[in-house]
């Protein structure tokens, strides 16, 4: 029984460590579900950990047509290593999905997505 408790303790600790090592989104601009009257100039994501910008990315698609919007590469923000930014062209009215990949500086990757609407 004691061995089982010790094993569970270490498995729990490993699980906590692996969760804590991933970069999770804290804030997005535009916000998830936000309805905008004008097209945003950029997408800016803030994470709870510092990122490796060269290994992180943001993509955006118009949901109805499933058209991926042509953009440049997402860039890290100087002096704010936990942020990632993507400049956008003028977006037409529609619902857009943002897909992101974040590689934390300790080498753990997370992915996610959200949407917003341009009215």
PDB file of N, CA and C in Angstrom:
ATOM      1  N   UNK A   1       0.830  -1.200   0.000  1.00  0.00           N
ATOM      2  CA  UNK A   1       0.000   0.000   0.000  1.00  0.00           C
ATOM      3  C   UNK A   1       0.868   1.255   0.000  1.00  0.00           C
ATOM      4  N   UNK A   2       1.948   1.241   0.770  1.00  0.00           N
ATOM      5  CA  UNK A   2       2.821   2.411   0.829  1.00  0.00           C
ATOM      6  C   UNK A   2       3.453   2.676  -0.536  1.00  0.00           C
ATOM      7  N   UNK A   3       3.776   1.585  -1.265  1.00  0.00           N
ATOM      8  CA  UNK A   3       4.376   1.752  -2.591  1.00  0.00           C
ATOM      9  C   UNK A   3       3.388   2.392  -3.563  1.00  0.00           C
ATOM     10  N   UNK A   4       2.142   2.021  -3.452  1.00  0.00           N
ATOM     11  CA  UNK A   4       1.108   2.610  -4.287  1.00  0.00           C
ATOM     12  C   UNK A   4       0.970   4.103  -4.006  1.00  0.00           C
ATOM     13  N   UNK A   5       0.986   4.477  -2.734  1.00  0.00           N
ATOM     14  CA  UNK A   5       0.891   5.901  -2.372  1.00  0.00           C
ATOM     15  C   UNK A   5       2.079   6.678  -2.904  1.00  0.00           C
ATOM     16  N   UNK A   6       3.269   6.106  -2.799  1.00  0.00           N
ATOM     17  CA  UNK A   6       4.479   6.776  -3.295  1.00  0.00           C
ATOM     18  C   UNK A   6       4.399   6.927  -4.817  1.00  0.00           C
ATOM     19  N   UNK A   7       4.002   5.849  -5.499  1.00  0.00           N
ATOM     20  CA  UNK A   7       3.884   5.897  -6.958  1.00  0.00           C
ATOM     21  C   UNK A   7       2.865   6.947  -7.388  1.00  0.00           C
ATOM     22  N   UNK A   8       1.711   6.991  -6.742  1.00  0.00           N
ATOM     23  CA  UNK A   8       0.688   7.986  -7.076  1.00  0.00           C
ATOM     24  C   UNK A   8       1.176   9.400  -6.817  1.00  0.00           C
ATOM     25  N   UNK A   9       1.911   9.580  -5.726  1.00  0.00           N
ATOM     26  CA  UNK A   9       2.464  10.895  -5.406  1.00  0.00           C
ATOM     27  C   UNK A   9       3.369  11.372  -6.544  1.00  0.00           C
ATOM     28  N   UNK A  10       4.286  10.509  -7.007  1.00  0.00           N
ATOM     29  CA  UNK A  10       5.212  10.907  -8.071  1.00  0.00           C
ATOM     30  C   UNK A  10       4.501  11.112  -9.402  1.00  0.00           C
ATOM     31  N   UNK A  11       3.527  10.277  -9.708  1.00  0.00           N
ATOM     32  CA  UNK A  11       2.755  10.487 -10.932  1.00  0.00           C
ATOM     33  C   UNK A  11       2.009  11.815 -10.894  1.00  0.00           C
ATOM     34  N   UNK A  12       1.451  12.148  -9.762  1.00  0.00           N
ATOM     35  CA  UNK A  12       0.752  13.425  -9.593  1.00  0.00           C
ATOM     36  C   UNK A  12       1.721  14.585  -9.777  1.00  0.00           C
ATOM     37  N   UNK A  13       2.901  14.486  -9.198  1.00  0.00           N
ATOM     38  CA  UNK A  13       3.901  15.549  -9.324  1.00  0.00           C
ATOM     39  C   UNK A  13       4.352  15.715 -10.768  1.00  0.00           C
ATOM     40  N   UNK A  14       4.560  14.616 -11.479  1.00  0.00           N
ATOM     41  CA  UNK A  14       4.948  14.683 -12.885  1.00  0.00           C
ATOM     42  C   UNK A  14       3.838  15.341 -13.697  1.00  0.00           C
ATOM     43  N   UNK A  15       2.608  14.981 -13.411  1.00  0.00           N
ATOM     44  CA  UNK A  15       1.473  15.586 -14.111  1.00  0.00           C
ATOM     45  C   UNK A  15       1.399  17.076 -13.896  1.00  0.00           C
ATOM     46  N   UNK A  16       1.594  17.521 -12.676  1.00  0.00           N
ATOM     47  CA  UNK A  16       1.582  18.954 -12.381  1.00  0.00           C
ATOM     48  C   UNK A  16       2.714  19.652 -13.105  1.00  0.00           C
ATOM     49  N   UNK A  17       3.896  19.068 -13.081  1.00  0.00           N
ATOM     50  CA  UNK A  17       5.045  19.697 -13.738  1.00  0.00           C
ATOM     51  C   UNK A  17       4.819  19.831 -15.228  1.00  0.00           C
ATOM     52  N   UNK A  18       4.232  18.805 -15.859  1.00  0.00           N
ATOM     53  CA  UNK A  18       4.038  18.885 -17.303  1.00  0.00           C
ATOM     54  C   UNK A  18       2.976  19.921 -17.660  1.00  0.00           C
ATOM     55  N   UNK A  19       1.942  20.060 -16.865  1.00  0.00           N
ATOM     56  CA  UNK A  19       0.920  21.074 -17.120  1.00  0.00           C
ATOM     57  C   UNK A  19       1.502  22.461 -16.925  1.00  0.00           C
ATOM     58  N   UNK A  20       2.316  22.641 -15.916  1.00  0.00           N
ATOM     59  CA  UNK A  20       2.877  23.947 -15.618  1.00  0.00           C
ATOM     60  C   UNK A  20       3.896  24.398 -16.660  1.00  0.00           C
ATOM     61  N   UNK A  21       4.424  23.477 -17.450  1.00  0.00           N
ATOM     62  CA  UNK A  21       5.457  23.816 -18.415  1.00  0.00           C
ATOM     63  C   UNK A  21       4.897  24.329 -19.739  1.00  0.00           C
ATOM     64  N   UNK A  22       3.621  24.225 -19.979  1.00  0.00           N
ATOM     65  CA  UNK A  22       3.014  24.645 -21.229  1.00  0.00           C
ATOM     66  C   UNK A  22       2.569  26.104 -21.158  1.00  0.00           C
ATOM     67  N   UNK A  23       2.613  26.764 -22.316  1.00  0.00           N
ATOM     68  CA  UNK A  23       2.174  28.157 -22.401  1.00  0.00           C
ATOM     69  C   UNK A  23       0.682  28.189 -22.717  1.00  0.00           C
ATOM     70  N   UNK A  24      -0.094  28.787 -21.840  1.00  0.00           N
ATOM     71  CA  UNK A  24      -1.532  28.914 -22.053  1.00  0.00           C
ATOM     72  C   UNK A  24      -1.892  30.375 -22.262  1.00  0.00           C
ATOM     73  N   UNK A  25      -2.879  30.590 -23.112  1.00  0.00           N
ATOM     74  CA  UNK A  25      -3.286  31.945 -23.459  1.00  0.00           C
ATOM     75  C   UNK A  25      -3.969  32.612 -22.262  1.00  0.00           C
ATOM     76  N   UNK A  26      -3.566  33.836 -21.999  1.00  0.00           N
ATOM     77  CA  UNK A  26      -4.166  34.628 -20.915  1.00  0.00           C
ATOM     78  C   UNK A  26      -5.100  35.697 -21.470  1.00  0.00           C
ATOM     79  N   UNK A  27      -4.744  36.226 -22.636  1.00  0.00           N
ATOM     80  CA  UNK A  27      -5.502  37.351 -23.192  1.00  0.00           C
ATOM     81  C   UNK A  27      -5.353  37.344 -24.711  1.00  0.00           C
ATOM     82  N   UNK A  28      -6.401  37.754 -25.391  1.00  0.00           N
ATOM     83  CA  UNK A  28      -6.329  37.873 -26.852  1.00  0.00           C
ATOM     84  C   UNK A  28      -6.945  39.198 -27.267  1.00  0.00           C
ATOM     85  N   UNK A  29      -6.410  39.724 -28.358  1.00  0.00           N
ATOM     86  CA  UNK A  29      -6.959  40.935 -28.949  1.00  0.00           C
ATOM     87  C   UNK A  29      -7.039  40.714 -30.439  1.00  0.00           C
ATOM     88  N   UNK A  30      -8.190  40.645 -31.067  1.00  0.00           N
ATOM     89  CA  UNK A  30      -9.506  40.767 -30.456  1.00  0.00           C
ATOM     90  C   UNK A  30      -9.789  39.594 -29.508  1.00  0.00           C
ATOM     91  N   UNK A  31     -10.752  39.828 -28.639  1.00  0.00           N
ATOM     92  CA  UNK A  31     -11.137  38.824 -27.658  1.00  0.00           C
ATOM     93  C   UNK A  31     -11.953  37.711 -28.308  1.00  0.00           C
ATOM     94  N   UNK A  32     -11.927  36.549 -27.679  1.00  0.00           N
ATOM     95  CA  UNK A  32     -12.726  35.420 -28.148  1.00  0.00           C
ATOM     96  C   UNK A  32     -14.208  35.795 -28.116  1.00  0.00           C
ATOM     97  N   UNK A  33     -14.893  35.567 -29.235  1.00  0.00           N
ATOM     98  CA  UNK A  33     -16.317  35.853 -29.324  1.00  0.00           C
ATOM     99  C   UNK A  33     -16.660  37.320 -29.539  1.00  0.00           C
ATOM    100  N   UNK A  34     -15.675  38.178 -29.590  1.00  0.00           N
ATOM    101  CA  UNK A  34     -15.927  39.615 -29.739  1.00  0.00           C
ATOM    102  C   UNK A  34     -16.541  39.922 -31.109  1.00  0.00           C
ATOM    103  N   UNK A  35     -17.455  40.892 -31.129  1.00  0.00           N
ATOM    104  CA  UNK A  35     -18.054  41.385 -32.364  1.00  0.00           C
ATOM    105  C   UNK A  35     -17.541  42.793 -32.605  1.00  0.00           C
ATOM    106  N   UNK A  36     -16.809  42.952 -33.707  1.00  0.00           N
ATOM    107  CA  UNK A  36     -16.150  44.221 -34.018  1.00  0.00           C
ATOM    108  C   UNK A  36     -16.877  44.952 -35.129  1.00  0.00           C
ATOM    109  N   UNK A  37     -16.933  46.277 -35.034  1.00  0.00           N
ATOM    110  CA  UNK A  37     -17.540  47.101 -36.085  1.00  0.00           C
ATOM    111  C   UNK A  37     -16.552  47.393 -37.213  1.00  0.00           C
ATOM    112  N   UNK A  38     -15.253  47.275 -36.923  1.00  0.00           N
ATOM    113  CA  UNK A  38     -14.209  47.503 -37.925  1.00  0.00           C
ATOM    114  C   UNK A  38     -13.215  46.342 -37.876  1.00  0.00           C
ATOM    115  N   UNK A  39     -12.528  46.165 -38.977  1.00  0.00           N
ATOM    116  CA  UNK A  39     -11.532  45.102 -39.070  1.00  0.00           C
ATOM    117  C   UNK A  39     -10.359  45.401 -38.125  1.00  0.00           C
ATOM    118  N   UNK A  40      -9.895  44.405 -37.368  1.00  0.00           N
ATOM    119  CA  UNK A  40      -8.726  44.639 -36.515  1.00  0.00           C
ATOM    120  C   UNK A  40      -7.468  44.745 -37.376  1.00  0.00           C
ATOM    121  N   UNK A  41      -6.496  45.494 -36.915  1.00  0.00           N
ATOM    122  CA  UNK A  41      -5.241  45.646 -37.650  1.00  0.00           C
ATOM    123  C   UNK A  41      -4.287  44.493 -37.366  1.00  0.00           C
ATOM    124  N   UNK A  42      -4.488  43.827 -36.224  1.00  0.00           N
ATOM    125  CA  UNK A  42      -3.593  42.734 -35.830  1.00  0.00           C
ATOM    126  C   UNK A  42      -4.295  41.832 -34.820  1.00  0.00           C
ATOM    127  N   UNK A  43      -3.752  40.657 -34.672  1.00  0.00           N
ATOM    128  CA  UNK A  43      -4.127  39.757 -33.591  1.00  0.00           C
ATOM    129  C   UNK A  43      -2.950  39.756 -32.634  1.00  0.00           C
ATOM    130  N   UNK A  44      -3.223  39.946 -31.364  1.00  0.00           N
ATOM    131  CA  UNK A  44      -2.166  39.916 -30.353  1.00  0.00           C
ATOM    132  C   UNK A  44      -2.579  38.953 -29.256  1.00  0.00           C
ATOM    133  N   UNK A  45      -1.733  37.966 -29.001  1.00  0.00           N
ATOM    134  CA  UNK A  45      -2.001  36.954 -27.985  1.00  0.00           C
ATOM    135  C   UNK A  45      -0.980  37.067 -26.863  1.00  0.00           C
ATOM    136  N   UNK A  46      -1.455  37.012 -25.632  1.00  0.00           N
ATOM    137  CA  UNK A  46      -0.596  37.053 -24.456  1.00  0.00           C
ATOM    138  C   UNK A  46      -0.695  35.708 -23.749  1.00  0.00           C
ATOM    139  N   UNK A  47       0.449  35.132 -23.436  1.00  0.00           N
ATOM    140  CA  UNK A  47       0.514  33.821 -22.796  1.00  0.00           C
ATOM    141  C   UNK A  47       1.072  33.939 -21.380  1.00  0.00           C
ATOM    142  N   UNK A  48       0.900  32.875 -20.609  1.00  0.00           N
ATOM    143  CA  UNK A  48       1.378  32.870 -19.226  1.00  0.00           C
ATOM    144  C   UNK A  48       2.846  32.472 -19.107  1.00  0.00           C
ATOM    145  N   UNK A  49       3.498  32.200 -20.218  1.00  0.00           N
ATOM    146  CA  UNK A  49       4.911  31.831 -20.241  1.00  0.00           C
ATOM    147  C   UNK A  49       5.585  32.527 -21.422  1.00  0.00           C
ATOM    148  N   UNK A  50       6.908  32.644 -21.348  1.00  0.00           N
ATOM    149  CA  UNK A  50       7.666  33.185 -22.468  1.00  0.00           C
ATOM    150  C   UNK A  50       7.672  32.181 -23.611  1.00  0.00           C
ATOM    151  N   UNK A  51       7.670  32.703 -24.840  1.00  0.00           N
ATOM    152  CA  UNK A  51       7.555  31.886 -26.038  1.00  0.00           C
ATOM    153  C   UNK A  51       8.845  31.843 -26.838  1.00  0.00           C
ATOM    154  N   UNK A  52       8.914  30.839 -27.717  1.00  0.00           N
ATOM    155  CA  UNK A  52       9.908  30.782 -28.784  1.00  0.00           C
ATOM    156  C   UNK A  52       9.171  31.247 -30.042  1.00  0.00           C
ATOM    157  N   UNK A  53       9.264  32.529 -30.400  1.00  0.00           N
ATOM    158  CA  UNK A  53       8.468  33.063 -31.513  1.00  0.00           C
ATOM    159  C   UNK A  53       8.704  32.344 -32.841  1.00  0.00           C
ATOM    160  N   UNK A  54       9.921  31.902 -33.100  1.00  0.00           N
ATOM    161  CA  UNK A  54      10.215  31.230 -34.365  1.00  0.00           C
ATOM    162  C   UNK A  54       9.482  29.894 -34.482  1.00  0.00           C
ATOM    163  N   UNK A  55       9.077  29.320 -33.361  1.00  0.00           N
ATOM    164  CA  UNK A  55       8.390  28.029 -33.350  1.00  0.00           C
ATOM    165  C   UNK A  55       6.908  28.164 -32.988  1.00  0.00           C
ATOM    166  N   UNK A  56       6.435  29.390 -32.892  1.00  0.00           N
ATOM    167  CA  UNK A  56       5.032  29.671 -32.574  1.00  0.00           C
ATOM    168  C   UNK A  56       4.373  30.310 -33.792  1.00  0.00           C
ATOM    169  N   UNK A  57       3.053  30.231 -33.869  1.00  0.00           N
ATOM    170  CA  UNK A  57       2.404  30.779 -35.048  1.00  0.00           C
ATOM    171  C   UNK A  57       0.936  31.103 -34.775  1.00  0.00           C
ATOM    172  N   UNK A  58       0.391  31.983 -35.604  1.00  0.00           N
ATOM    173  CA  UNK A  58      -1.032  32.323 -35.612  1.00  0.00           C
ATOM    174  C   UNK A  58      -1.498  32.255 -37.055  1.00  0.00           C
ATOM    175  N   UNK A  59      -2.661  31.635 -37.276  1.00  0.00           N
ATOM    176  CA  UNK A  59      -3.303  31.636 -38.589  1.00  0.00           C
ATOM    177  C   UNK A  59      -4.745  32.062 -38.401  1.00  0.00           C
ATOM    178  N   UNK A  60      -5.313  32.650 -39.453  1.00  0.00           N
ATOM    179  CA  UNK A  60      -6.701  33.102 -39.385  1.00  0.00           C
ATOM    180  C   UNK A  60      -7.436  32.664 -40.650  1.00  0.00           C
ATOM    181  N   UNK A  61      -8.682  32.214 -40.468  1.00  0.00           N
ATOM    182  CA  UNK A  61      -9.520  31.768 -41.584  1.00  0.00           C
ATOM    183  C   UNK A  61     -10.910  32.360 -41.442  1.00  0.00           C
ATOM    184  N   UNK A  62     -11.560  32.609 -42.581  1.00  0.00           N
ATOM    185  CA  UNK A  62     -12.953  33.013 -42.570  1.00  0.00           C
ATOM    186  C   UNK A  62     -13.754  31.714 -42.479  1.00  0.00           C
ATOM    187  N   UNK A  63     -14.611  31.602 -41.496  1.00  0.00           N
ATOM    188  CA  UNK A  63     -15.255  30.331 -41.168  1.00  0.00           C
ATOM    189  C   UNK A  63     -16.212  29.854 -42.259  1.00  0.00           C
ATOM    190  N   UNK A  64     -17.083  30.716 -42.755  1.00  0.00           N
ATOM    191  CA  UNK A  64     -18.117  30.286 -43.704  1.00  0.00           C
ATOM    192  C   UNK A  64     -17.513  29.706 -44.986  1.00  0.00           C
ATOM    193  N   UNK A  65     -16.537  30.403 -45.545  1.00  0.00           N
ATOM    194  CA  UNK A  65     -15.925  29.952 -46.800  1.00  0.00           C
ATOM    195  C   UNK A  65     -14.732  29.026 -46.571  1.00  0.00           C
ATOM    196  N   UNK A  66     -14.291  28.938 -45.321  1.00  0.00           N
ATOM    197  CA  UNK A  66     -13.111  28.136 -44.951  1.00  0.00           C
ATOM    198  C   UNK A  66     -11.853  28.636 -45.652  1.00  0.00           C
ATOM    199  N   UNK A  67     -11.850  29.929 -45.966  1.00  0.00           N
ATOM    200  CA  UNK A  67     -10.715  30.540 -46.658  1.00  0.00           C
ATOM    201  C   UNK A  67      -9.686  31.016 -45.645  1.00  0.00           C
ATOM    202  N   UNK A  68      -8.459  30.545 -45.818  1.00  0.00           N
ATOM    203  CA  UNK A  68      -7.368  31.018 -44.963  1.00  0.00           C
ATOM    204  C   UNK A  68      -6.944  32.402 -45.447  1.00  0.00           C
ATOM    205  N   UNK A  69      -6.833  33.324 -44.512  1.00  0.00           N
ATOM    206  CA  UNK A  69      -6.449  34.694 -44.840  1.00  0.00           C
ATOM    207  C   UNK A  69      -4.937  34.751 -45.005  1.00  0.00           C
ATOM    208  N   UNK A  70      -4.491  35.344 -46.105  1.00  0.00           N
ATOM    209  CA  UNK A  70      -3.049  35.457 -46.348  1.00  0.00           C
ATOM    210  C   UNK A  70      -2.465  36.543 -45.450  1.00  0.00           C
ATOM    211  N   UNK A  71      -1.487  36.149 -44.677  1.00  0.00           N
ATOM    212  CA  UNK A  71      -0.801  37.074 -43.768  1.00  0.00           C
ATOM    213  C   UNK A  71       0.684  36.755 -43.797  1.00  0.00           C
ATOM    214  N   UNK A  72       1.439  37.566 -43.114  1.00  0.00           N
ATOM    215  CA  UNK A  72       2.840  37.254 -42.905  1.00  0.00           C
ATOM    216  C   UNK A  72       2.972  36.288 -41.737  1.00  0.00           C
ATOM    217  N   UNK A  73       4.150  36.143 -41.239  1.00  0.00           N
ATOM    218  CA  UNK A  73       4.429  35.268 -40.099  1.00  0.00           C
ATOM    219  C   UNK A  73       4.106  36.002 -38.802  1.00  0.00           C
ATOM    220  N   UNK A  74       3.581  35.264 -37.829  1.00  0.00           N
ATOM    221  CA  UNK A  74       3.377  35.836 -36.492  1.00  0.00           C
ATOM    222  C   UNK A  74       4.745  36.148 -35.895  1.00  0.00           C
ATOM    223  N   UNK A  75       4.826  37.250 -35.193  1.00  0.00           N
ATOM    224  CA  UNK A  75       6.096  37.706 -34.632  1.00  0.00           C
ATOM    225  C   UNK A  75       6.013  37.859 -33.125  1.00  0.00           C
ATOM    226  N   UNK A  76       7.123  37.617 -32.471  1.00  0.00           N
ATOM    227  CA  UNK A  76       7.224  37.926 -31.058  1.00  0.00           C
ATOM    228  C   UNK A  76       7.309  39.432 -30.891  1.00  0.00           C
ATOM    229  N   UNK A  77       6.974  39.911 -29.720  1.00  0.00           N
ATOM    230  CA  UNK A  77       7.019  41.346 -29.445  1.00  0.00           C
ATOM    231  C   UNK A  77       8.237  41.621 -28.567  1.00  0.00           C
ATOM    232  N   UNK A  78       9.103  42.489 -29.061  1.00  0.00           N
ATOM    233  CA  UNK A  78      10.326  42.807 -28.332  1.00  0.00           C
ATOM    234  C   UNK A  78       9.990  43.322 -26.931  1.00  0.00           C
ATOM    235  N   UNK A  79      10.745  42.900 -25.960  1.00  0.00           N
ATOM    236  CA  UNK A  79      10.575  43.262 -24.548  1.00  0.00           C
ATOM    237  C   UNK A  79       9.330  42.653 -23.902  1.00  0.00           C
ATOM    238  N   UNK A  80       8.567  41.847 -24.648  1.00  0.00           N
ATOM    239  CA  UNK A  80       7.403  41.142 -24.100  1.00  0.00           C
ATOM    240  C   UNK A  80       7.427  39.705 -24.644  1.00  0.00           C
ATOM    241  N   UNK A  81       8.333  38.872 -24.105  1.00  0.00           N
ATOM    242  CA  UNK A  81       8.537  37.530 -24.668  1.00  0.00           C
ATOM    243  C   UNK A  81       7.369  36.566 -24.506  1.00  0.00           C
ATOM    244  N   UNK A  82       6.320  36.989 -23.825  1.00  0.00           N
ATOM    245  CA  UNK A  82       5.135  36.139 -23.676  1.00  0.00           C
ATOM    246  C   UNK A  82       4.022  36.539 -24.641  1.00  0.00           C
ATOM    247  N   UNK A  83       4.339  37.411 -25.616  1.00  0.00           N
ATOM    248  CA  UNK A  83       3.320  37.872 -26.569  1.00  0.00           C
ATOM    249  C   UNK A  83       3.692  37.488 -27.991  1.00  0.00           C
ATOM    250  N   UNK A  84       2.639  37.289 -28.782  1.00  0.00           N
ATOM    251  CA  UNK A  84       2.772  36.960 -30.192  1.00  0.00           C
ATOM    252  C   UNK A  84       1.789  37.843 -30.957  1.00  0.00           C
ATOM    253  N   UNK A  85       2.220  38.380 -32.099  1.00  0.00           N
ATOM    254  CA  UNK A  85       1.382  39.309 -32.860  1.00  0.00           C
ATOM    255  C   UNK A  85       1.368  38.925 -34.337  1.00  0.00           C
ATOM    256  N   UNK A  86       0.213  39.118 -34.976  1.00  0.00           N
ATOM    257  CA  UNK A  86       0.059  38.856 -36.405  1.00  0.00           C
ATOM    258  C   UNK A  86      -0.636  40.046 -37.042  1.00  0.00           C
ATOM    259  N   UNK A  87       0.039  40.728 -37.968  1.00  0.00           N
ATOM    260  CA  UNK A  87      -0.574  41.833 -38.708  1.00  0.00           C
ATOM    261  C   UNK A  87      -1.599  41.269 -39.680  1.00  0.00           C
ATOM    262  N   UNK A  88      -2.711  41.991 -39.830  1.00  0.00           N
ATOM    263  CA  UNK A  88      -3.807  41.526 -40.665  1.00  0.00           C
ATOM    264  C   UNK A  88      -4.079  42.478 -41.820  1.00  0.00           C
ATOM    265  N   UNK A  89      -4.524  41.929 -42.950  1.00  0.00           N
ATOM    266  CA  UNK A  89      -5.059  42.798 -44.000  1.00  0.00           C
ATOM    267  C   UNK A  89      -6.454  43.255 -43.569  1.00  0.00           C
ATOM    268  N   UNK A  90      -7.063  44.120 -44.351  1.00  0.00           N
ATOM    269  CA  UNK A  90      -8.444  44.530 -44.080  1.00  0.00           C
ATOM    270  C   UNK A  90      -9.343  43.302 -44.229  1.00  0.00           C
ATOM    271  N   UNK A  91     -10.114  43.002 -43.172  1.00  0.00           N
ATOM    272  CA  UNK A  91     -11.016  41.845 -43.194  1.00  0.00           C
ATOM    273  C   UNK A  91     -12.424  42.292 -43.544  1.00  0.00           C
ATOM    274  N   UNK A  92     -13.079  41.541 -44.426  1.00  0.00           N
ATOM    275  CA  UNK A  92     -14.474  41.815 -44.776  1.00  0.00           C
ATOM    276  C   UNK A  92     -15.374  41.367 -43.626  1.00  0.00           C
ATOM    277  N   UNK A  93     -16.646  41.718 -43.716  1.00  0.00           N
ATOM    278  CA  UNK A  93     -17.597  41.246 -42.714  1.00  0.00           C
ATOM    279  C   UNK A  93     -17.606  39.723 -42.715  1.00  0.00           C
ATOM    280  N   UNK A  94     -17.669  39.137 -41.531  1.00  0.00           N
ATOM    281  CA  UNK A  94     -17.705  37.688 -41.445  1.00  0.00           C
ATOM    282  C   UNK A  94     -17.239  37.201 -40.085  1.00  0.00           C
ATOM    283  N   UNK A  95     -17.273  35.896 -39.942  1.00  0.00           N
ATOM    284  CA  UNK A  95     -16.835  35.245 -38.716  1.00  0.00           C
ATOM    285  C   UNK A  95     -15.471  34.609 -38.996  1.00  0.00           C
ATOM    286  N   UNK A  96     -14.513  34.876 -38.124  1.00  0.00           N
ATOM    287  CA  UNK A  96     -13.137  34.441 -38.335  1.00  0.00           C
ATOM    288  C   UNK A  96     -12.675  33.529 -37.204  1.00  0.00           C
ATOM    289  N   UNK A  97     -11.908  32.518 -37.600  1.00  0.00           N
ATOM    290  CA  UNK A  97     -11.318  31.619 -36.620  1.00  0.00           C
ATOM    291  C   UNK A  97      -9.822  31.861 -36.561  1.00  0.00           C
ATOM    292  N   UNK A  98      -9.323  32.004 -35.341  1.00  0.00           N
ATOM    293  CA  UNK A  98      -7.900  32.172 -35.087  1.00  0.00           C
ATOM    294  C   UNK A  98      -7.378  30.847 -34.545  1.00  0.00           C
ATOM    295  N   UNK A  99      -6.363  30.296 -35.204  1.00  0.00           N
ATOM    296  CA  UNK A  99      -5.689  29.086 -34.733  1.00  0.00           C
ATOM    297  C   UNK A  99      -4.277  29.477 -34.322  1.00  0.00           C
ATOM    298  N   UNK A 100      -3.861  29.032 -33.154  1.00  0.00           N
ATOM    299  CA  UNK A 100      -2.525  29.384 -32.695  1.00  0.00           C
ATOM    300  C   UNK A 100      -1.769  28.159 -32.191  1.00  0.00           C
ATOM    301  N   UNK A 101      -0.458  28.262 -32.332  1.00  0.00           N
ATOM    302  CA  UNK A 101       0.481  27.270 -31.806  1.00  0.00           C
ATOM    303  C   UNK A 101       1.494  28.055 -30.993  1.00  0.00           C
ATOM    304  N   UNK A 102       1.679  27.661 -29.745  1.00  0.00           N
ATOM    305  CA  UNK A 102       2.635  28.354 -28.874  1.00  0.00           C
ATOM    306  C   UNK A 102       3.680  27.361 -28.392  1.00  0.00           C
ATOM    307  N   UNK A 103       4.935  27.678 -28.657  1.00  0.00           N
ATOM    308  CA  UNK A 103       6.044  26.878 -28.150  1.00  0.00           C
ATOM    309  C   UNK A 103       6.693  27.665 -27.018  1.00  0.00           C
ATOM    310  N   UNK A 104       6.590  27.129 -25.807  1.00  0.00           N
ATOM    311  CA  UNK A 104       7.198  27.821 -24.670  1.00  0.00           C
ATOM    312  C   UNK A 104       8.712  27.661 -24.732  1.00  0.00           C
ATOM    313  N   UNK A 105       9.431  28.515 -24.026  1.00  0.00           N
ATOM    314  CA  UNK A 105      10.884  28.490 -24.067  1.00  0.00           C
ATOM    315  C   UNK A 105      11.462  27.203 -23.505  1.00  0.00           C
ATOM    316  N   UNK A 106      10.677  26.465 -22.727  1.00  0.00           N
ATOM    317  CA  UNK A 106      11.180  25.186 -22.222  1.00  0.00           C
ATOM    318  C   UNK A 106      10.844  24.025 -23.158  1.00  0.00           C
ATOM    319  N   UNK A 107      10.293  24.327 -24.359  1.00  0.00           N
ATOM    320  CA  UNK A 107      10.104  23.317 -25.378  1.00  0.00           C
ATOM    321  C   UNK A 107       8.761  22.622 -25.406  1.00  0.00           C
ATOM    322  N   UNK A 108       7.801  23.080 -24.632  1.00  0.00           N
ATOM    323  CA  UNK A 108       6.470  22.465 -24.637  1.00  0.00           C
ATOM    324  C   UNK A 108       5.538  23.245 -25.554  1.00  0.00           C
ATOM    325  N   UNK A 109       4.767  22.509 -26.357  1.00  0.00           N
ATOM    326  CA  UNK A 109       3.875  23.123 -27.329  1.00  0.00           C
ATOM    327  C   UNK A 109       2.418  22.997 -26.891  1.00  0.00           C
ATOM    328  N   UNK A 110       1.662  24.071 -27.108  1.00  0.00           N
ATOM    329  CA  UNK A 110       0.213  24.041 -26.920  1.00  0.00           C
ATOM    330  C   UNK A 110      -0.434  24.616 -28.176  1.00  0.00           C
ATOM    331  N   UNK A 111      -1.670  24.211 -28.418  1.00  0.00           N
ATOM    332  CA  UNK A 111      -2.416  24.730 -29.559  1.00  0.00           C
ATOM    333  C   UNK A 111      -3.800  25.146 -29.085  1.00  0.00           C
ATOM    334  N   UNK A 112      -4.413  26.043 -29.824  1.00  0.00           N
ATOM    335  CA  UNK A 112      -5.752  26.474 -29.464  1.00  0.00           C
ATOM    336  C   UNK A 112      -6.370  27.270 -30.596  1.00  0.00           C
ATOM    337  N   UNK A 113      -7.613  27.643 -30.389  1.00  0.00           N
ATOM    338  CA  UNK A 113      -8.310  28.447 -31.385  1.00  0.00           C
ATOM    339  C   UNK A 113      -9.442  29.205 -30.701  1.00  0.00           C
ATOM    340  N   UNK A 114      -9.905  30.222 -31.379  1.00  0.00           N
ATOM    341  CA  UNK A 114     -11.091  30.986 -30.960  1.00  0.00           C
ATOM    342  C   UNK A 114     -11.609  31.730 -32.178  1.00  0.00           C
ATOM    343  N   UNK A 115     -12.762  32.357 -32.026  1.00  0.00           N
ATOM    344  CA  UNK A 115     -13.320  33.105 -33.145  1.00  0.00           C
ATOM    345  C   UNK A 115     -13.713  34.506 -32.720  1.00  0.00           C
ATOM    346  N   UNK A 116     -13.869  35.358 -33.724  1.00  0.00           N
ATOM    347  CA  UNK A 116     -14.437  36.694 -33.532  1.00  0.00           C
ATOM    348  C   UNK A 116     -15.191  37.053 -34.794  1.00  0.00           C
ATOM    349  N   UNK A 117     -15.964  38.106 -34.730  1.00  0.00           N
ATOM    350  CA  UNK A 117     -16.821  38.515 -35.852  1.00  0.00           C
ATOM    351  C   UNK A 117     -16.516  39.956 -36.226  1.00  0.00           C
ATOM    352  N   UNK A 118     -16.450  40.203 -37.541  1.00  0.00           N
ATOM    353  CA  UNK A 118     -16.380  41.583 -38.061  1.00  0.00           C
ATOM    354  C   UNK A 118     -17.758  41.850 -38.654  1.00  0.00           C
ATOM    355  N   UNK A 119     -18.444  42.874 -38.115  1.00  0.00           N
ATOM    356  CA  UNK A 119     -19.811  43.219 -38.586  1.00  0.00           C
ATOM    357  C   UNK A 119     -19.759  44.118 -39.818  1.00  0.00           C
TER     358      UNK A 119
END
